[in-house]
Amino acid sequence: MTTCRNTLMLATDGSSALAPEEHPVLVLIEGGKGAATNGDDAKKAISNRTNSLFACAMAVVFAVVLATLAFGVESSIAASESLTLNEAATTNVRVMSGDSLWSIASQHGVDGCSTQSIVDWIRDRNQLESSNIFAGQELIVPTSANL
């Protein structure tokens, strides 16, 4: 342990929270957290860092695999819905005042398909550039066998 003494006197006007010491002392402690003092400690420190890096790498790999699986499941569901909608019977519907693609898709649901998928299918099938529709417009919509 190395000790340094400074003989500088500090003057205060009485407003300081702490009274100055006559001889301030600075203590230098060599090393610190994780500092190795011998060969075995150095090997342990390197081993701990290696283990931490390995754990981080495994966490990243796990996250990538999980994201890939989630994307694959979502893609599989979307493909299944698309196939179901493409095989569904269709009918023509005249848009009434106050209708939206969402309300029409909800009324003409197809088993196993989300309302959003049906809205997307109606837009594609009727070559709509947006979801804006108007009263009197004719739309091709899918129908479910149980309707």
N, C-alpha and C. Protein backbone atom coordinates (compact mmCIF):
# COMPACT_ATOMS: atom_id res chain seq x y z
N MET A 1 0.86 -1.16 0.00
CA MET A 1 0.00 0.00 0.00
C MET A 1 0.91 1.22 0.00
N THR A 2 0.57 2.17 -0.86
CA THR A 2 1.35 3.40 -0.97
C THR A 2 0.55 4.53 -0.36
N THR A 3 1.18 5.34 0.49
CA THR A 3 0.51 6.46 1.14
C THR A 3 1.24 7.73 0.77
N CYS A 4 0.48 8.74 0.35
CA CYS A 4 1.06 10.04 0.03
C CYS A 4 0.45 11.06 0.97
N ARG A 5 1.27 11.95 1.50
CA ARG A 5 0.77 13.00 2.38
C ARG A 5 1.03 14.34 1.72
N ASN A 6 0.02 15.18 1.80
CA ASN A 6 0.13 16.52 1.26
C ASN A 6 0.05 17.49 2.42
N THR A 7 0.95 18.43 2.47
CA THR A 7 1.00 19.35 3.61
C THR A 7 0.31 20.67 3.32
N LEU A 8 -0.52 20.74 2.28
CA LEU A 8 -1.23 21.95 1.92
C LEU A 8 -2.30 22.24 2.96
N MET A 9 -2.33 23.47 3.45
CA MET A 9 -3.35 23.89 4.41
C MET A 9 -4.48 24.56 3.65
N LEU A 10 -5.70 24.20 3.96
CA LEU A 10 -6.87 24.79 3.31
C LEU A 10 -7.51 25.78 4.26
N ALA A 11 -7.91 26.91 3.76
CA ALA A 11 -8.58 27.92 4.58
C ALA A 11 -10.06 27.92 4.23
N THR A 12 -10.92 28.09 5.21
CA THR A 12 -12.36 28.15 4.99
C THR A 12 -12.92 29.38 5.66
N ASP A 13 -14.06 29.79 5.18
CA ASP A 13 -14.69 30.98 5.76
C ASP A 13 -15.78 30.60 6.75
N GLY A 14 -15.88 29.36 7.09
CA GLY A 14 -16.88 28.90 8.07
C GLY A 14 -18.14 28.35 7.42
N SER A 15 -18.27 28.45 6.09
CA SER A 15 -19.47 27.95 5.43
C SER A 15 -19.30 26.54 4.89
N SER A 16 -18.13 25.97 5.00
CA SER A 16 -17.89 24.62 4.51
C SER A 16 -18.56 23.61 5.43
N ALA A 17 -19.07 22.57 4.84
CA ALA A 17 -19.72 21.52 5.62
C ALA A 17 -18.71 20.72 6.41
N LEU A 18 -17.53 20.60 5.87
CA LEU A 18 -16.49 19.83 6.54
C LEU A 18 -15.31 20.74 6.88
N ALA A 19 -14.79 20.56 8.03
CA ALA A 19 -13.60 21.31 8.41
C ALA A 19 -12.41 20.72 7.69
N PRO A 20 -11.52 21.54 7.19
CA PRO A 20 -10.35 20.99 6.48
C PRO A 20 -9.42 20.27 7.45
N GLU A 21 -8.79 19.24 6.89
CA GLU A 21 -7.80 18.53 7.69
C GLU A 21 -6.48 19.30 7.60
N GLU A 22 -5.71 19.15 8.66
CA GLU A 22 -4.41 19.82 8.65
C GLU A 22 -3.50 19.20 7.62
N HIS A 23 -3.55 17.87 7.50
CA HIS A 23 -2.71 17.16 6.55
C HIS A 23 -3.60 16.17 5.80
N PRO A 24 -4.19 16.58 4.66
CA PRO A 24 -5.01 15.63 3.88
C PRO A 24 -4.17 14.43 3.47
N VAL A 25 -4.82 13.28 3.41
CA VAL A 25 -4.12 12.05 3.09
C VAL A 25 -4.76 11.42 1.86
N LEU A 26 -3.95 11.03 0.92
CA LEU A 26 -4.40 10.30 -0.26
C LEU A 26 -3.87 8.88 -0.14
N VAL A 27 -4.76 7.92 -0.17
CA VAL A 27 -4.34 6.53 -0.07
C VAL A 27 -4.58 5.87 -1.42
N LEU A 28 -3.57 5.31 -2.00
CA LEU A 28 -3.64 4.64 -3.28
C LEU A 28 -3.66 3.14 -3.03
N ILE A 29 -4.74 2.50 -3.48
CA ILE A 29 -4.85 1.05 -3.34
C ILE A 29 -4.65 0.47 -4.73
N GLU A 30 -3.61 -0.28 -4.88
CA GLU A 30 -3.30 -0.84 -6.18
C GLU A 30 -4.22 -2.01 -6.47
N GLY A 31 -4.50 -2.17 -7.76
CA GLY A 31 -5.37 -3.27 -8.17
C GLY A 31 -6.79 -2.80 -8.25
N GLY A 32 -7.68 -3.52 -7.69
CA GLY A 32 -9.09 -3.19 -7.73
C GLY A 32 -9.89 -4.45 -7.99
N LYS A 33 -11.16 -4.26 -8.24
CA LYS A 33 -12.04 -5.41 -8.47
C LYS A 33 -11.54 -6.21 -9.68
N GLY A 34 -11.35 -7.45 -9.50
CA GLY A 34 -10.94 -8.33 -10.58
C GLY A 34 -9.45 -8.31 -10.87
N ALA A 35 -8.69 -7.55 -10.11
CA ALA A 35 -7.25 -7.50 -10.36
C ALA A 35 -6.61 -8.80 -9.90
N ALA A 36 -5.71 -9.28 -10.68
CA ALA A 36 -5.05 -10.54 -10.36
C ALA A 36 -3.76 -10.26 -9.60
N THR A 37 -3.55 -11.00 -8.52
CA THR A 37 -2.33 -10.82 -7.76
C THR A 37 -1.35 -11.95 -8.01
N ASN A 38 -1.85 -13.02 -8.58
CA ASN A 38 -0.93 -14.10 -8.94
C ASN A 38 -1.48 -14.81 -10.18
N GLY A 39 -0.79 -15.79 -10.67
CA GLY A 39 -1.15 -16.50 -11.89
C GLY A 39 -2.51 -17.17 -11.83
N ASP A 40 -2.86 -17.76 -10.68
CA ASP A 40 -4.15 -18.45 -10.56
C ASP A 40 -5.30 -17.46 -10.66
N ASP A 41 -5.15 -16.30 -10.03
CA ASP A 41 -6.20 -15.29 -10.09
C ASP A 41 -6.37 -14.79 -11.52
N ALA A 42 -5.28 -14.65 -12.24
CA ALA A 42 -5.35 -14.20 -13.63
C ALA A 42 -6.10 -15.22 -14.48
N LYS A 43 -5.83 -16.49 -14.27
CA LYS A 43 -6.52 -17.54 -15.01
C LYS A 43 -8.01 -17.54 -14.69
N LYS A 44 -8.37 -17.31 -13.42
CA LYS A 44 -9.78 -17.25 -13.03
C LYS A 44 -10.47 -16.07 -13.69
N ALA A 45 -9.79 -14.92 -13.73
CA ALA A 45 -10.36 -13.73 -14.34
C ALA A 45 -10.60 -13.96 -15.83
N ILE A 46 -9.65 -14.57 -16.52
CA ILE A 46 -9.80 -14.87 -17.94
C ILE A 46 -10.92 -15.88 -18.14
N SER A 47 -10.98 -16.88 -17.29
CA SER A 47 -12.04 -17.89 -17.39
C SER A 47 -13.42 -17.26 -17.17
N ASN A 48 -13.53 -16.35 -16.20
CA ASN A 48 -14.80 -15.68 -15.95
C ASN A 48 -15.23 -14.84 -17.15
N ARG A 49 -14.28 -14.13 -17.76
CA ARG A 49 -14.59 -13.32 -18.94
C ARG A 49 -15.01 -14.22 -20.10
N THR A 50 -14.31 -15.34 -20.27
CA THR A 50 -14.66 -16.27 -21.33
C THR A 50 -16.06 -16.83 -21.12
N ASN A 51 -16.37 -17.19 -19.89
CA ASN A 51 -17.70 -17.71 -19.58
C ASN A 51 -18.78 -16.66 -19.85
N SER A 52 -18.49 -15.40 -19.51
CA SER A 52 -19.45 -14.32 -19.74
C SER A 52 -19.67 -14.12 -21.23
N LEU A 53 -18.59 -14.13 -22.00
CA LEU A 53 -18.72 -13.98 -23.45
C LEU A 53 -19.49 -15.13 -24.05
N PHE A 54 -19.22 -16.34 -23.58
CA PHE A 54 -19.94 -17.52 -24.07
C PHE A 54 -21.42 -17.41 -23.76
N ALA A 55 -21.76 -16.97 -22.54
CA ALA A 55 -23.16 -16.82 -22.15
C ALA A 55 -23.85 -15.77 -23.02
N CYS A 56 -23.17 -14.66 -23.30
CA CYS A 56 -23.73 -13.62 -24.17
C CYS A 56 -23.94 -14.16 -25.59
N ALA A 57 -22.96 -14.88 -26.10
CA ALA A 57 -23.08 -15.45 -27.44
C ALA A 57 -24.25 -16.43 -27.52
N MET A 58 -24.41 -17.24 -26.50
CA MET A 58 -25.52 -18.20 -26.48
C MET A 58 -26.86 -17.48 -26.41
N ALA A 59 -26.93 -16.37 -25.67
CA ALA A 59 -28.17 -15.59 -25.59
C ALA A 59 -28.52 -15.01 -26.95
N VAL A 60 -27.52 -14.52 -27.68
CA VAL A 60 -27.76 -13.98 -29.02
C VAL A 60 -28.23 -15.08 -29.96
N VAL A 61 -27.59 -16.22 -29.92
CA VAL A 61 -28.00 -17.35 -30.77
C VAL A 61 -29.43 -17.76 -30.44
N PHE A 62 -29.77 -17.83 -29.17
CA PHE A 62 -31.11 -18.20 -28.75
C PHE A 62 -32.13 -17.20 -29.28
N ALA A 63 -31.81 -15.90 -29.18
CA ALA A 63 -32.73 -14.87 -29.66
C ALA A 63 -32.93 -14.97 -31.17
N VAL A 64 -31.86 -15.24 -31.91
CA VAL A 64 -31.97 -15.38 -33.36
C VAL A 64 -32.83 -16.60 -33.73
N VAL A 65 -32.60 -17.70 -33.05
CA VAL A 65 -33.39 -18.91 -33.32
C VAL A 65 -34.86 -18.66 -32.99
N LEU A 66 -35.12 -18.02 -31.87
CA LEU A 66 -36.49 -17.73 -31.47
C LEU A 66 -37.18 -16.82 -32.48
N ALA A 67 -36.47 -15.78 -32.94
CA ALA A 67 -37.04 -14.87 -33.94
C ALA A 67 -37.31 -15.60 -35.26
N THR A 68 -36.40 -16.48 -35.65
CA THR A 68 -36.57 -17.24 -36.89
C THR A 68 -37.79 -18.15 -36.79
N LEU A 69 -37.94 -18.81 -35.65
CA LEU A 69 -39.10 -19.68 -35.47
C LEU A 69 -40.40 -18.89 -35.48
N ALA A 70 -40.40 -17.74 -34.82
CA ALA A 70 -41.61 -16.90 -34.79
C ALA A 70 -41.96 -16.44 -36.19
N PHE A 71 -40.96 -16.02 -36.97
CA PHE A 71 -41.21 -15.59 -38.34
C PHE A 71 -41.71 -16.76 -39.18
N GLY A 72 -41.13 -17.94 -38.98
CA GLY A 72 -41.56 -19.12 -39.73
C GLY A 72 -42.99 -19.51 -39.43
N VAL A 73 -43.38 -19.45 -38.16
CA VAL A 73 -44.75 -19.78 -37.78
C VAL A 73 -45.71 -18.76 -38.37
N GLU A 74 -45.34 -17.47 -38.29
CA GLU A 74 -46.20 -16.43 -38.84
C GLU A 74 -46.34 -16.58 -40.35
N SER A 75 -45.25 -16.89 -41.03
CA SER A 75 -45.29 -17.09 -42.47
C SER A 75 -46.14 -18.30 -42.82
N SER A 76 -46.03 -19.34 -42.02
CA SER A 76 -46.82 -20.55 -42.24
C SER A 76 -48.31 -20.26 -42.09
N ILE A 77 -48.66 -19.48 -41.07
CA ILE A 77 -50.07 -19.13 -40.85
C ILE A 77 -50.58 -18.29 -42.02
N ALA A 78 -49.79 -17.31 -42.45
CA ALA A 78 -50.19 -16.45 -43.56
C ALA A 78 -50.36 -17.26 -44.84
N ALA A 79 -49.46 -18.20 -45.09
CA ALA A 79 -49.57 -19.05 -46.28
C ALA A 79 -50.81 -19.91 -46.21
N SER A 80 -51.10 -20.45 -45.02
CA SER A 80 -52.28 -21.27 -44.84
C SER A 80 -53.55 -20.47 -45.08
N GLU A 81 -53.60 -19.23 -44.53
CA GLU A 81 -54.77 -18.38 -44.72
C GLU A 81 -54.94 -18.01 -46.19
N SER A 82 -53.83 -17.72 -46.86
CA SER A 82 -53.89 -17.36 -48.27
C SER A 82 -54.44 -18.52 -49.10
N LEU A 83 -53.97 -19.72 -48.83
CA LEU A 83 -54.44 -20.91 -49.55
C LEU A 83 -55.93 -21.11 -49.29
N THR A 84 -56.35 -20.97 -48.02
CA THR A 84 -57.76 -21.14 -47.67
C THR A 84 -58.62 -20.12 -48.41
N LEU A 85 -58.18 -18.86 -48.42
CA LEU A 85 -58.96 -17.81 -49.09
C LEU A 85 -59.00 -18.02 -50.60
N ASN A 86 -57.91 -18.45 -51.19
CA ASN A 86 -57.88 -18.67 -52.63
C ASN A 86 -58.76 -19.85 -53.05
N GLU A 87 -59.00 -20.77 -52.13
CA GLU A 87 -59.86 -21.92 -52.44
C GLU A 87 -61.32 -21.68 -52.05
N ALA A 88 -61.58 -20.58 -51.36
CA ALA A 88 -62.94 -20.30 -50.89
C ALA A 88 -63.82 -19.86 -52.06
N ALA A 89 -65.11 -20.18 -51.92
CA ALA A 89 -66.09 -19.70 -52.90
C ALA A 89 -66.18 -18.19 -52.77
N THR A 90 -66.64 -17.51 -53.81
CA THR A 90 -66.76 -16.05 -53.77
C THR A 90 -68.19 -15.63 -54.10
N THR A 91 -68.47 -14.42 -53.72
CA THR A 91 -69.76 -13.80 -54.06
C THR A 91 -69.53 -12.32 -54.28
N ASN A 92 -70.46 -11.68 -54.97
CA ASN A 92 -70.38 -10.24 -55.19
C ASN A 92 -71.21 -9.53 -54.13
N VAL A 93 -70.66 -8.46 -53.61
CA VAL A 93 -71.34 -7.67 -52.58
C VAL A 93 -71.37 -6.23 -53.05
N ARG A 94 -72.53 -5.58 -52.88
CA ARG A 94 -72.64 -4.15 -53.19
C ARG A 94 -72.40 -3.38 -51.89
N VAL A 95 -71.46 -2.45 -51.93
CA VAL A 95 -71.11 -1.66 -50.76
C VAL A 95 -72.27 -0.73 -50.43
N MET A 96 -72.65 -0.72 -49.16
CA MET A 96 -73.72 0.15 -48.67
C MET A 96 -73.09 1.34 -47.95
N SER A 97 -73.86 2.39 -47.77
CA SER A 97 -73.38 3.56 -47.06
C SER A 97 -72.96 3.16 -45.65
N GLY A 98 -71.77 3.57 -45.22
CA GLY A 98 -71.27 3.25 -43.88
C GLY A 98 -70.44 1.98 -43.82
N ASP A 99 -70.39 1.21 -44.92
CA ASP A 99 -69.58 -0.02 -44.93
C ASP A 99 -68.09 0.33 -45.01
N SER A 100 -67.28 -0.56 -44.50
CA SER A 100 -65.83 -0.46 -44.63
C SER A 100 -65.35 -1.85 -45.04
N LEU A 101 -64.12 -1.92 -45.51
CA LEU A 101 -63.58 -3.24 -45.85
C LEU A 101 -63.57 -4.14 -44.63
N TRP A 102 -63.28 -3.57 -43.47
CA TRP A 102 -63.24 -4.36 -42.23
C TRP A 102 -64.62 -4.93 -41.91
N SER A 103 -65.67 -4.11 -42.02
CA SER A 103 -67.02 -4.60 -41.69
C SER A 103 -67.47 -5.65 -42.69
N ILE A 104 -67.13 -5.45 -43.97
CA ILE A 104 -67.50 -6.45 -44.98
C ILE A 104 -66.73 -7.75 -44.74
N ALA A 105 -65.43 -7.64 -44.44
CA ALA A 105 -64.62 -8.84 -44.17
C ALA A 105 -65.13 -9.56 -42.93
N SER A 106 -65.57 -8.81 -41.93
CA SER A 106 -66.11 -9.43 -40.70
C SER A 106 -67.41 -10.18 -41.00
N GLN A 107 -68.25 -9.62 -41.88
CA GLN A 107 -69.53 -10.26 -42.22
C GLN A 107 -69.33 -11.49 -43.10
N HIS A 108 -68.25 -11.54 -43.84
CA HIS A 108 -67.99 -12.64 -44.77
C HIS A 108 -66.75 -13.41 -44.34
N GLY A 109 -66.71 -13.76 -43.06
CA GLY A 109 -65.56 -14.47 -42.51
C GLY A 109 -65.40 -15.85 -43.10
N VAL A 110 -64.17 -16.28 -43.17
CA VAL A 110 -63.83 -17.62 -43.64
C VAL A 110 -63.15 -18.32 -42.49
N ASP A 111 -63.58 -19.54 -42.18
CA ASP A 111 -63.01 -20.30 -41.06
C ASP A 111 -61.49 -20.41 -41.20
N GLY A 112 -60.80 -20.11 -40.12
CA GLY A 112 -59.34 -20.23 -40.09
C GLY A 112 -58.61 -19.01 -40.63
N CYS A 113 -59.35 -17.94 -40.95
CA CYS A 113 -58.70 -16.74 -41.49
C CYS A 113 -59.03 -15.54 -40.63
N SER A 114 -58.03 -14.70 -40.42
CA SER A 114 -58.24 -13.48 -39.65
C SER A 114 -58.96 -12.45 -40.51
N THR A 115 -59.62 -11.51 -39.84
CA THR A 115 -60.31 -10.45 -40.55
C THR A 115 -59.32 -9.64 -41.38
N GLN A 116 -58.12 -9.39 -40.84
CA GLN A 116 -57.11 -8.64 -41.59
C GLN A 116 -56.72 -9.37 -42.86
N SER A 117 -56.59 -10.68 -42.80
CA SER A 117 -56.25 -11.45 -44.00
C SER A 117 -57.35 -11.35 -45.04
N ILE A 118 -58.59 -11.35 -44.59
CA ILE A 118 -59.72 -11.23 -45.53
C ILE A 118 -59.75 -9.84 -46.15
N VAL A 119 -59.49 -8.80 -45.35
CA VAL A 119 -59.41 -7.43 -45.89
C VAL A 119 -58.33 -7.37 -46.96
N ASP A 120 -57.15 -7.92 -46.67
CA ASP A 120 -56.05 -7.91 -47.64
C ASP A 120 -56.43 -8.66 -48.91
N TRP A 121 -57.11 -9.79 -48.76
CA TRP A 121 -57.55 -10.60 -49.91
C TRP A 121 -58.54 -9.81 -50.76
N ILE A 122 -59.51 -9.15 -50.12
CA ILE A 122 -60.51 -8.36 -50.85
C ILE A 122 -59.82 -7.23 -51.62
N ARG A 123 -58.87 -6.56 -50.98
CA ARG A 123 -58.14 -5.48 -51.66
C ARG A 123 -57.39 -6.02 -52.88
N ASP A 124 -56.70 -7.16 -52.72
CA ASP A 124 -55.94 -7.74 -53.83
C ASP A 124 -56.87 -8.20 -54.95
N ARG A 125 -57.91 -8.93 -54.59
CA ARG A 125 -58.82 -9.53 -55.58
C ARG A 125 -59.56 -8.46 -56.38
N ASN A 126 -59.88 -7.34 -55.72
CA ASN A 126 -60.62 -6.27 -56.39
C ASN A 126 -59.70 -5.15 -56.89
N GLN A 127 -58.40 -5.38 -56.81
CA GLN A 127 -57.38 -4.45 -57.28
C GLN A 127 -57.59 -3.04 -56.71
N LEU A 128 -57.82 -2.98 -55.39
CA LEU A 128 -57.99 -1.70 -54.70
C LEU A 128 -56.62 -1.20 -54.26
N GLU A 129 -56.33 0.06 -54.53
CA GLU A 129 -55.05 0.63 -54.12
C GLU A 129 -55.04 1.03 -52.66
N SER A 130 -56.23 1.23 -52.08
CA SER A 130 -56.33 1.60 -50.68
C SER A 130 -57.57 0.91 -50.10
N SER A 131 -57.85 1.20 -48.86
CA SER A 131 -59.03 0.62 -48.22
C SER A 131 -60.27 1.49 -48.39
N ASN A 132 -60.16 2.53 -49.19
CA ASN A 132 -61.30 3.41 -49.43
C ASN A 132 -62.28 2.77 -50.41
N ILE A 133 -63.51 2.66 -49.99
CA ILE A 133 -64.58 2.13 -50.84
C ILE A 133 -65.74 3.12 -50.81
N PHE A 134 -66.67 3.00 -51.75
CA PHE A 134 -67.79 3.92 -51.80
C PHE A 134 -69.09 3.16 -52.00
N ALA A 135 -70.18 3.77 -51.57
CA ALA A 135 -71.50 3.15 -51.68
C ALA A 135 -71.81 2.87 -53.15
N GLY A 136 -72.34 1.69 -53.41
CA GLY A 136 -72.70 1.27 -54.77
C GLY A 136 -71.60 0.46 -55.45
N GLN A 137 -70.41 0.46 -54.90
CA GLN A 137 -69.29 -0.28 -55.49
C GLN A 137 -69.53 -1.78 -55.33
N GLU A 138 -69.20 -2.54 -56.37
CA GLU A 138 -69.31 -4.00 -56.32
C GLU A 138 -67.97 -4.59 -55.93
N LEU A 139 -67.96 -5.49 -54.96
CA LEU A 139 -66.73 -6.16 -54.53
C LEU A 139 -66.90 -7.66 -54.57
N ILE A 140 -65.83 -8.34 -54.95
CA ILE A 140 -65.78 -9.80 -54.86
C ILE A 140 -65.25 -10.12 -53.47
N VAL A 141 -66.01 -10.94 -52.72
CA VAL A 141 -65.59 -11.32 -51.37
C VAL A 141 -65.66 -12.82 -51.21
N PRO A 142 -64.83 -13.38 -50.33
CA PRO A 142 -64.89 -14.82 -50.10
C PRO A 142 -66.10 -15.16 -49.24
N THR A 143 -66.57 -16.37 -49.37
CA THR A 143 -67.67 -16.83 -48.52
C THR A 143 -67.25 -18.12 -47.84
N SER A 144 -67.73 -18.30 -46.66
CA SER A 144 -67.45 -19.51 -45.90
C SER A 144 -68.52 -20.54 -46.21
N ALA A 145 -68.16 -21.79 -46.17
CA ALA A 145 -69.11 -22.86 -46.49
C ALA A 145 -70.27 -22.90 -45.49
N ASN A 146 -70.03 -22.42 -44.25
CA ASN A 146 -71.07 -22.53 -43.22
C ASN A 146 -71.92 -21.27 -43.11
N LEU A 147 -71.82 -20.31 -44.06
CA LEU A 147 -72.64 -19.10 -44.00
C LEU A 147 -73.98 -19.33 -44.63
